[in-house]
Amino acid sequence: QVQLVESGGGLVQAGGSLTLSCAVSGTTTSSSKRIGWYRQAPGKQRELVATIISGSSTNYKDSVKGRFTISRDNTKNTVDLQMSSLKPEETAVYYCTIYTGLQNYWGQGTQVPVSS
């Protein structure tokens, strides 16, 4: 059974940094077709933040380019999201997701409140 467990969320001040981590079990990050992070702010739809596609190609939401970095560690079977210069409007629940080629899986999410 595929499971994704996010960690690293928490309250951060505007302009601050935070690193989220997602531990994957039941499948491997190295074999994933797509792995990455989405977020959902209160009252808004879930949106793409950053993904790694087919092993190495990365894709970022325009507004986070240059501030966020997604990385994958195949030895640990994890995917991280390093976030810097955070803004209050980026307050959201951040979700890890993996597409194995057969099915898409989601974690439970981790809260990231950004105070002004």
Protein backbone atom coordinates (compact mmCIF):
# COMPACT_ATOMS: atom_id res chain seq x y z
CA GLN A 1 0.00 0.00 0.00
CA VAL A 2 1.39 3.36 -1.02
CA GLN A 3 1.64 5.92 1.75
CA LEU A 4 2.98 9.46 1.81
CA VAL A 5 3.72 11.23 5.09
CA GLU A 6 4.54 14.92 5.11
CA SER A 7 6.49 16.66 7.85
CA GLY A 8 8.16 19.98 8.53
CA GLY A 9 5.17 22.27 8.52
CA GLY A 10 4.57 24.92 11.13
CA LEU A 11 4.21 28.61 11.81
CA VAL A 12 6.73 30.82 10.05
CA GLN A 13 7.08 34.58 9.79
CA ALA A 14 6.82 36.36 6.48
CA GLY A 15 10.21 36.33 4.80
CA GLY A 16 11.20 33.17 6.60
CA SER A 17 12.20 29.75 5.36
CA LEU A 18 10.89 26.25 5.87
CA THR A 19 11.67 22.81 4.46
CA LEU A 20 8.92 20.26 4.00
CA SER A 21 9.70 16.57 3.66
CA CYS A 22 7.61 13.71 2.32
CA ALA A 23 8.42 10.11 3.21
CA VAL A 24 7.17 7.61 0.64
CA SER A 25 6.46 3.93 1.29
CA GLY A 26 4.92 1.18 -0.81
CA THR A 27 6.57 2.45 -3.98
CA THR A 28 9.84 4.11 -4.90
CA THR A 29 10.55 7.73 -5.69
CA SER A 30 13.01 6.58 -8.35
CA SER A 31 10.27 4.82 -10.33
CA SER A 32 7.67 7.57 -10.05
CA LYS A 33 6.36 9.21 -13.21
CA ARG A 34 5.68 12.40 -11.29
CA ILE A 35 6.26 13.43 -7.70
CA GLY A 36 5.78 16.75 -6.06
CA TRP A 37 3.95 19.25 -3.92
CA TYR A 38 0.59 21.00 -4.11
CA ARG A 39 -1.03 23.41 -1.68
CA GLN A 40 -4.53 24.46 -0.76
CA ALA A 41 -5.24 27.78 0.89
CA PRO A 42 -8.45 28.31 2.88
CA GLY A 43 -11.38 28.71 0.52
CA LYS A 44 -9.30 28.07 -2.58
CA GLN A 45 -8.62 25.19 -4.92
CA ARG A 46 -5.60 22.96 -4.60
CA GLU A 47 -2.77 24.20 -6.81
CA LEU A 48 0.52 22.93 -8.10
CA VAL A 49 3.62 24.22 -6.31
CA ALA A 50 6.44 22.09 -7.72
CA THR A 51 6.90 18.70 -9.33
CA ILE A 52 9.62 16.41 -10.64
CA ILE A 53 8.56 14.71 -13.85
CA SER A 54 9.99 11.49 -15.28
CA GLY A 55 12.99 11.53 -13.03
CA SER A 56 14.65 14.87 -13.54
CA SER A 57 12.55 17.56 -15.15
CA THR A 58 11.18 20.09 -12.64
CA ASN A 59 8.15 22.30 -12.91
CA TYR A 60 7.31 25.22 -10.60
CA LYS A 61 4.39 27.55 -10.11
CA ASP A 62 5.52 30.87 -11.53
CA SER A 63 5.18 32.76 -8.26
CA VAL A 64 7.54 30.43 -6.39
CA LYS A 65 10.32 30.24 -8.96
CA GLY A 66 13.62 31.32 -7.45
CA ARG A 67 12.30 30.90 -3.90
CA PHE A 68 11.27 27.24 -3.71
CA THR A 69 13.35 24.19 -4.59
CA ILE A 70 12.07 20.65 -4.96
CA SER A 71 14.48 17.76 -4.53
CA ARG A 72 14.28 13.99 -4.38
CA ASP A 73 16.45 11.54 -2.45
CA ASN A 74 16.03 8.08 -3.93
CA THR A 75 18.18 6.47 -1.24
CA LYS A 76 15.84 7.73 1.46
CA ASN A 77 12.70 7.55 -0.69
CA THR A 78 11.81 11.12 0.15
CA VAL A 79 10.96 14.34 -1.66
CA ASP A 80 11.64 17.72 -0.06
CA LEU A 81 10.42 21.23 -0.72
CA GLN A 82 12.72 24.02 0.42
CA MET A 83 10.82 27.28 0.74
CA SER A 84 12.27 30.73 1.33
CA SER A 85 10.99 34.30 1.43
CA LEU A 86 7.58 33.01 2.39
CA LYS A 87 4.58 35.31 2.05
CA PRO A 88 1.40 35.44 4.15
CA GLU A 89 -0.67 34.60 1.07
CA GLU A 90 1.20 31.30 0.88
CA THR A 91 -0.49 30.12 4.05
CA ALA A 92 -1.94 26.75 3.11
CA VAL A 93 -1.98 23.05 3.67
CA TYR A 94 0.85 21.58 1.63
CA TYR A 95 0.34 18.11 0.12
CA CYS A 96 2.82 15.62 -1.24
CA THR A 97 1.72 13.60 -4.26
CA ILE A 98 3.12 10.77 -6.37
CA TYR A 99 1.95 9.31 -9.67
CA THR A 100 3.25 5.80 -10.19
CA GLY A 101 2.02 5.46 -13.74
CA LEU A 102 -1.04 3.56 -12.57
CA GLN A 103 -2.48 5.72 -9.84
CA ASN A 104 -2.07 9.05 -8.10
CA TYR A 105 -1.54 9.12 -4.34
CA TRP A 106 -1.73 11.95 -1.82
CA GLY A 107 -0.47 12.54 1.68
CA GLN A 108 -2.58 13.95 4.49
CA GLY A 109 -0.98 17.36 4.21
CA THR A 110 0.98 19.61 6.53
CA GLN A 111 -0.08 23.07 7.64
CA VAL A 112 2.10 26.07 6.87
CA PRO A 113 0.76 29.29 8.39
CA VAL A 114 2.79 32.36 7.39
CA SER A 115 2.37 35.31 9.75
CA SER A 116 2.69 38.90 8.58
